[in-house]
Amino acid sequence: MDTKYNTRFAVTLTGIDNPEITYGVDQDTINTITINGTVILYFSLDLTTAEHKFFFEFANKTNNTPDRMVVVESVAVEGITADRLKWSGIYTPDYPEPWASTQTNLAQTLPGATHLGWNGRWELPFTVPIFTWLHQKEHLGWIYS
C-alpha cells in the first residue's frame, strides 16, 4: 500500500492579452482557464511518495496576438513561498515556424524561465513528501533518513 500525502499548491500567474492555459499534475488535467490579469491556481492533491510534475500549457498565442504571454509570479507549496520554487520550473517553448527554422542555437528548454512569450509547456518537478523537497530546494542542510 502506497502512502499518500495531501499536498497543497498555490501558483500565481499573470496573463497579458488573455492567454489560455491548461494545468495539472503528472498526466492529470485539473482545469483549462483564460487568464485575465492575475490569478491564483489553488489545488490540493493526495500524492504518493514519488517524483511528480506540476504543469501548465500555454497554447493560444498566434501571429495576431504578439503581446500575449504568461508570467509565473510565485509558487507556494504548503503555504511556503520562495522564489527558488518558481525558478525551479522548466519551460519548453513551441517556437513558431518559419521563424524557428531561421534561428541558430535556439534553446529547446529554458530552466528558470518565468515569462512565457511563446506557446509551450512549463513544468515544476517536485517530490513527495513535499517538506523533504522544500528542504533540498532551500539548501537547509542534511536530511537524515
C-alpha atoms as a PDB file:
ATOM      1  CA  MET A   1       0.000   0.000   0.000  1.00  0.00           C
ATOM      2  CA  ASP A   2       1.441   3.364  -1.044  1.00  0.00           C
ATOM      3  CA  THR A   3       1.425   6.172   1.482  1.00  0.00           C
ATOM      4  CA  LYS A   4      -0.289   9.306   0.203  1.00  0.00           C
ATOM      5  CA  TYR A   5       0.379  12.840   1.349  1.00  0.00           C
ATOM      6  CA  ASN A   6      -2.043  15.705   0.918  1.00  0.00           C
ATOM      7  CA  THR A   7      -0.069  18.401  -0.902  1.00  0.00           C
ATOM      8  CA  ARG A   8      -1.318  21.982  -1.296  1.00  0.00           C
ATOM      9  CA  PHE A   9      -0.219  24.346  -4.065  1.00  0.00           C
ATOM     10  CA  ALA A  10      -0.943  27.972  -4.928  1.00  0.00           C
ATOM     11  CA  VAL A  11       0.521  29.150  -8.230  1.00  0.00           C
ATOM     12  CA  THR A  12       0.127  32.843  -9.076  1.00  0.00           C
ATOM     13  CA  LEU A  13       0.113  33.703 -12.783  1.00  0.00           C
ATOM     14  CA  THR A  14      -0.361  36.958 -14.653  1.00  0.00           C
ATOM     15  CA  GLY A  15      -1.772  36.892 -18.151  1.00  0.00           C
ATOM     16  CA  ILE A  16      -1.194  39.567 -20.751  1.00  0.00           C
ATOM     17  CA  ASP A  17      -3.764  39.728 -23.570  1.00  0.00           C
ATOM     18  CA  ASN A  18      -5.877  36.818 -22.207  1.00  0.00           C
ATOM     19  CA  PRO A  19      -3.750  33.685 -22.589  1.00  0.00           C
ATOM     20  CA  GLU A  20      -5.454  30.320 -22.182  1.00  0.00           C
ATOM     21  CA  ILE A  21      -3.759  27.598 -20.162  1.00  0.00           C
ATOM     22  CA  THR A  22      -4.438  24.016 -19.216  1.00  0.00           C
ATOM     23  CA  TYR A  23      -2.875  22.930 -15.921  1.00  0.00           C
ATOM     24  CA  GLY A  24      -2.489  19.811 -13.856  1.00  0.00           C
ATOM     25  CA  VAL A  25      -0.167  17.368 -12.111  1.00  0.00           C
ATOM     26  CA  ASP A  26       1.573  14.467 -13.810  1.00  0.00           C
ATOM     27  CA  GLN A  27      -0.796  13.253 -16.548  1.00  0.00           C
ATOM     28  CA  ASP A  28      -3.965  14.571 -14.888  1.00  0.00           C
ATOM     29  CA  THR A  29      -5.518  17.834 -16.059  1.00  0.00           C
ATOM     30  CA  ILE A  30      -7.091  19.919 -13.321  1.00  0.00           C
ATOM     31  CA  ASN A  31      -8.603  22.734 -15.407  1.00  0.00           C
ATOM     32  CA  THR A  32      -8.403  24.947 -18.507  1.00  0.00           C
ATOM     33  CA  ILE A  33      -8.773  28.696 -17.953  1.00  0.00           C
ATOM     34  CA  THR A  34      -8.290  32.044 -19.652  1.00  0.00           C
ATOM     35  CA  ILE A  35      -6.180  34.415 -17.570  1.00  0.00           C
ATOM     36  CA  ASN A  36      -7.426  37.972 -17.408  1.00  0.00           C
ATOM     37  CA  GLY A  37      -4.997  39.846 -15.140  1.00  0.00           C
ATOM     38  CA  THR A  38      -3.589  37.895 -12.199  1.00  0.00           C
ATOM     39  CA  VAL A  39      -4.997  34.574 -10.983  1.00  0.00           C
ATOM     40  CA  ILE A  40      -4.036  32.142  -8.244  1.00  0.00           C
ATOM     41  CA  LEU A  41      -4.403  28.451  -9.011  1.00  0.00           C
ATOM     42  CA  TYR A  42      -5.242  26.753  -5.717  1.00  0.00           C
ATOM     43  CA  PHE A  43      -5.300  22.974  -5.576  1.00  0.00           C
ATOM     44  CA  SER A  44      -4.723  20.182  -3.105  1.00  0.00           C
ATOM     45  CA  LEU A  45      -3.949  16.608  -4.106  1.00  0.00           C
ATOM     46  CA  ASP A  46      -3.254  13.308  -2.373  1.00  0.00           C
ATOM     47  CA  LEU A  47       0.046  12.208  -3.911  1.00  0.00           C
ATOM     48  CA  THR A  48       2.159   9.088  -3.425  1.00  0.00           C
ATOM     49  CA  THR A  49       5.794   9.139  -2.331  1.00  0.00           C
ATOM     50  CA  ALA A  50       7.424   9.683  -5.725  1.00  0.00           C
ATOM     51  CA  GLU A  51       8.523  12.266  -8.267  1.00  0.00           C
ATOM     52  CA  HIS A  52       5.721  14.379  -9.715  1.00  0.00           C
ATOM     53  CA  LYS A  53       5.319  17.357 -12.063  1.00  0.00           C
ATOM     54  CA  PHE A  54       3.010  20.338 -11.895  1.00  0.00           C
ATOM     55  CA  PHE A  55       2.475  21.690 -15.421  1.00  0.00           C
ATOM     56  CA  PHE A  56       0.644  24.253 -17.428  1.00  0.00           C
ATOM     57  CA  GLU A  57       0.416  24.545 -21.179  1.00  0.00           C
ATOM     58  CA  PHE A  58       0.011  27.870 -22.967  1.00  0.00           C
ATOM     59  CA  ALA A  59      -1.408  27.309 -26.443  1.00  0.00           C
ATOM     60  CA  ASN A  60      -3.429  30.252 -27.790  1.00  0.00           C
ATOM     61  CA  LYS A  61      -0.736  32.704 -28.952  1.00  0.00           C
ATOM     62  CA  THR A  62      -0.917  33.458 -32.663  1.00  0.00           C
ATOM     63  CA  ASN A  63       0.658  35.882 -35.106  1.00  0.00           C
ATOM     64  CA  ASN A  64      -2.388  38.090 -34.484  1.00  0.00           C
ATOM     65  CA  THR A  65      -1.681  38.211 -30.714  1.00  0.00           C
ATOM     66  CA  PRO A  66       2.040  39.059 -30.500  1.00  0.00           C
ATOM     67  CA  ASP A  67       1.832  40.534 -26.971  1.00  0.00           C
ATOM     68  CA  ARG A  68       0.063  37.536 -25.399  1.00  0.00           C
ATOM     69  CA  MET A  69       2.096  35.926 -22.622  1.00  0.00           C
ATOM     70  CA  VAL A  70       2.007  34.220 -19.212  1.00  0.00           C
ATOM     71  CA  VAL A  71       4.165  35.306 -16.252  1.00  0.00           C
ATOM     72  CA  VAL A  72       4.816  32.982 -13.299  1.00  0.00           C
ATOM     73  CA  GLU A  73       4.653  35.362 -10.334  1.00  0.00           C
ATOM     74  CA  SER A  74       5.013  32.892  -7.476  1.00  0.00           C
ATOM     75  CA  VAL A  75       4.728  29.269  -6.407  1.00  0.00           C
ATOM     76  CA  ALA A  76       3.638  28.362  -2.881  1.00  0.00           C
ATOM     77  CA  VAL A  77       3.718  24.807  -1.545  1.00  0.00           C
ATOM     78  CA  GLU A  78       2.070  24.066   1.799  1.00  0.00           C
ATOM     79  CA  GLY A  79       1.842  27.837   2.325  1.00  0.00           C
ATOM     80  CA  ILE A  80       5.575  28.373   1.790  1.00  0.00           C
ATOM     81  CA  THR A  81       6.507  30.806  -0.991  1.00  0.00           C
ATOM     82  CA  ALA A  82      10.091  31.119  -2.218  1.00  0.00           C
ATOM     83  CA  ASP A  83      11.487  32.478  -5.472  1.00  0.00           C
ATOM     84  CA  ARG A  84      13.631  29.348  -5.788  1.00  0.00           C
ATOM     85  CA  LEU A  85      10.407  27.357  -6.291  1.00  0.00           C
ATOM     86  CA  LYS A  86       9.275  29.326  -9.349  1.00  0.00           C
ATOM     87  CA  TRP A  87      12.847  29.335 -10.690  1.00  0.00           C
ATOM     88  CA  SER A  88      12.839  25.532 -10.482  1.00  0.00           C
ATOM     89  CA  GLY A  89      10.350  25.447 -13.358  1.00  0.00           C
ATOM     90  CA  ILE A  90      11.377  24.330 -16.838  1.00  0.00           C
ATOM     91  CA  TYR A  91       9.790  25.992 -19.885  1.00  0.00           C
ATOM     92  CA  THR A  92       9.708  24.135 -23.205  1.00  0.00           C
ATOM     93  CA  PRO A  93       8.652  26.671 -25.834  1.00  0.00           C
ATOM     94  CA  ASP A  94       6.883  25.711 -29.035  1.00  0.00           C
ATOM     95  CA  TYR A  95       8.643  28.133 -31.381  1.00  0.00           C
ATOM     96  CA  PRO A  96       6.596  29.202 -34.418  1.00  0.00           C
ATOM     97  CA  GLU A  97       7.606  28.349 -37.954  1.00  0.00           C
ATOM     98  CA  PRO A  98       9.005  29.593 -40.246  1.00  0.00           C
ATOM     99  CA  TRP A  99      10.801  31.812 -37.706  1.00  0.00           C
ATOM    100  CA  ALA A 100      12.269  28.894 -35.701  1.00  0.00           C
ATOM    101  CA  SER A 101      13.963  27.287 -38.698  1.00  0.00           C
ATOM    102  CA  THR A 102      15.827  30.535 -39.455  1.00  0.00           C
ATOM    103  CA  GLN A 103      17.330  30.758 -35.947  1.00  0.00           C
ATOM    104  CA  THR A 104      20.568  29.235 -34.737  1.00  0.00           C
ATOM    105  CA  ASN A 105      21.182  27.972 -31.201  1.00  0.00           C
ATOM    106  CA  LEU A 106      17.544  28.018 -30.055  1.00  0.00           C
ATOM    107  CA  ALA A 107      17.250  26.510 -26.593  1.00  0.00           C
ATOM    108  CA  GLN A 108      14.845  23.584 -26.532  1.00  0.00           C
ATOM    109  CA  THR A 109      14.219  24.047 -22.807  1.00  0.00           C
ATOM    110  CA  LEU A 110      14.603  27.148 -20.647  1.00  0.00           C
ATOM    111  CA  PRO A 111      15.227  26.272 -16.980  1.00  0.00           C
ATOM    112  CA  GLY A 112      14.240  29.045 -14.576  1.00  0.00           C
ATOM    113  CA  ALA A 113      12.081  30.913 -17.108  1.00  0.00           C
ATOM    114  CA  THR A 114       9.149  32.765 -15.582  1.00  0.00           C
ATOM    115  CA  HIS A 115       7.937  34.684 -18.669  1.00  0.00           C
ATOM    116  CA  LEU A 116       6.330  32.548 -21.359  1.00  0.00           C
ATOM    117  CA  GLY A 117       6.229  34.517 -24.587  1.00  0.00           C
ATOM    118  CA  TRP A 118       5.686  31.536 -26.882  1.00  0.00           C
ATOM    119  CA  ASN A 119       3.176  28.739 -26.719  1.00  0.00           C
ATOM    120  CA  GLY A 120       4.633  25.872 -24.752  1.00  0.00           C
ATOM    121  CA  ARG A 121       4.732  23.889 -21.536  1.00  0.00           C
ATOM    122  CA  TRP A 122       6.038  24.989 -18.111  1.00  0.00           C
ATOM    123  CA  GLU A 123       6.772  22.186 -15.633  1.00  0.00           C
ATOM    124  CA  LEU A 124       7.771  22.170 -11.997  1.00  0.00           C
ATOM    125  CA  PRO A 125       9.230  18.802 -10.976  1.00  0.00           C
ATOM    126  CA  PHE A 126       8.882  18.004  -7.262  1.00  0.00           C
ATOM    127  CA  THR A 127       8.989  15.039  -4.937  1.00  0.00           C
ATOM    128  CA  VAL A 128       6.678  13.894  -2.182  1.00  0.00           C
ATOM    129  CA  PRO A 129       6.961  14.089   0.792  1.00  0.00           C
ATOM    130  CA  ILE A 130       6.994  17.769  -0.094  1.00  0.00           C
ATOM    131  CA  PHE A 131       8.810  19.059   3.002  1.00  0.00           C
ATOM    132  CA  THR A 132      11.881  16.991   2.093  1.00  0.00           C
ATOM    133  CA  TRP A 133      11.820  18.548  -1.384  1.00  0.00           C
ATOM    134  CA  LEU A 134      11.393  22.067   0.072  1.00  0.00           C
ATOM    135  CA  HIS A 135      14.297  21.409   2.441  1.00  0.00           C
ATOM    136  CA  GLN A 136      16.524  20.464  -0.504  1.00  0.00           C
ATOM    137  CA  LYS A 137      15.397  23.408  -2.689  1.00  0.00           C
ATOM    138  CA  GLU A 138      16.158  25.876   0.067  1.00  0.00           C
ATOM    139  CA  HIS A 139      19.548  24.263   0.847  1.00  0.00           C
ATOM    140  CA  LEU A 140      18.704  23.862   4.526  1.00  0.00           C
ATOM    141  CA  GLY A 141      21.318  21.217   5.235  1.00  0.00           C
ATOM    142  CA  TRP A 142      21.493  17.483   5.585  1.00  0.00           C
ATOM    143  CA  ILE A 143      18.474  15.229   5.749  1.00  0.00           C
ATOM    144  CA  TYR A 144      18.842  12.035   7.743  1.00  0.00           C
ATOM    145  CA  SER A 145      16.824   9.070   6.535  1.00  0.00           C
END
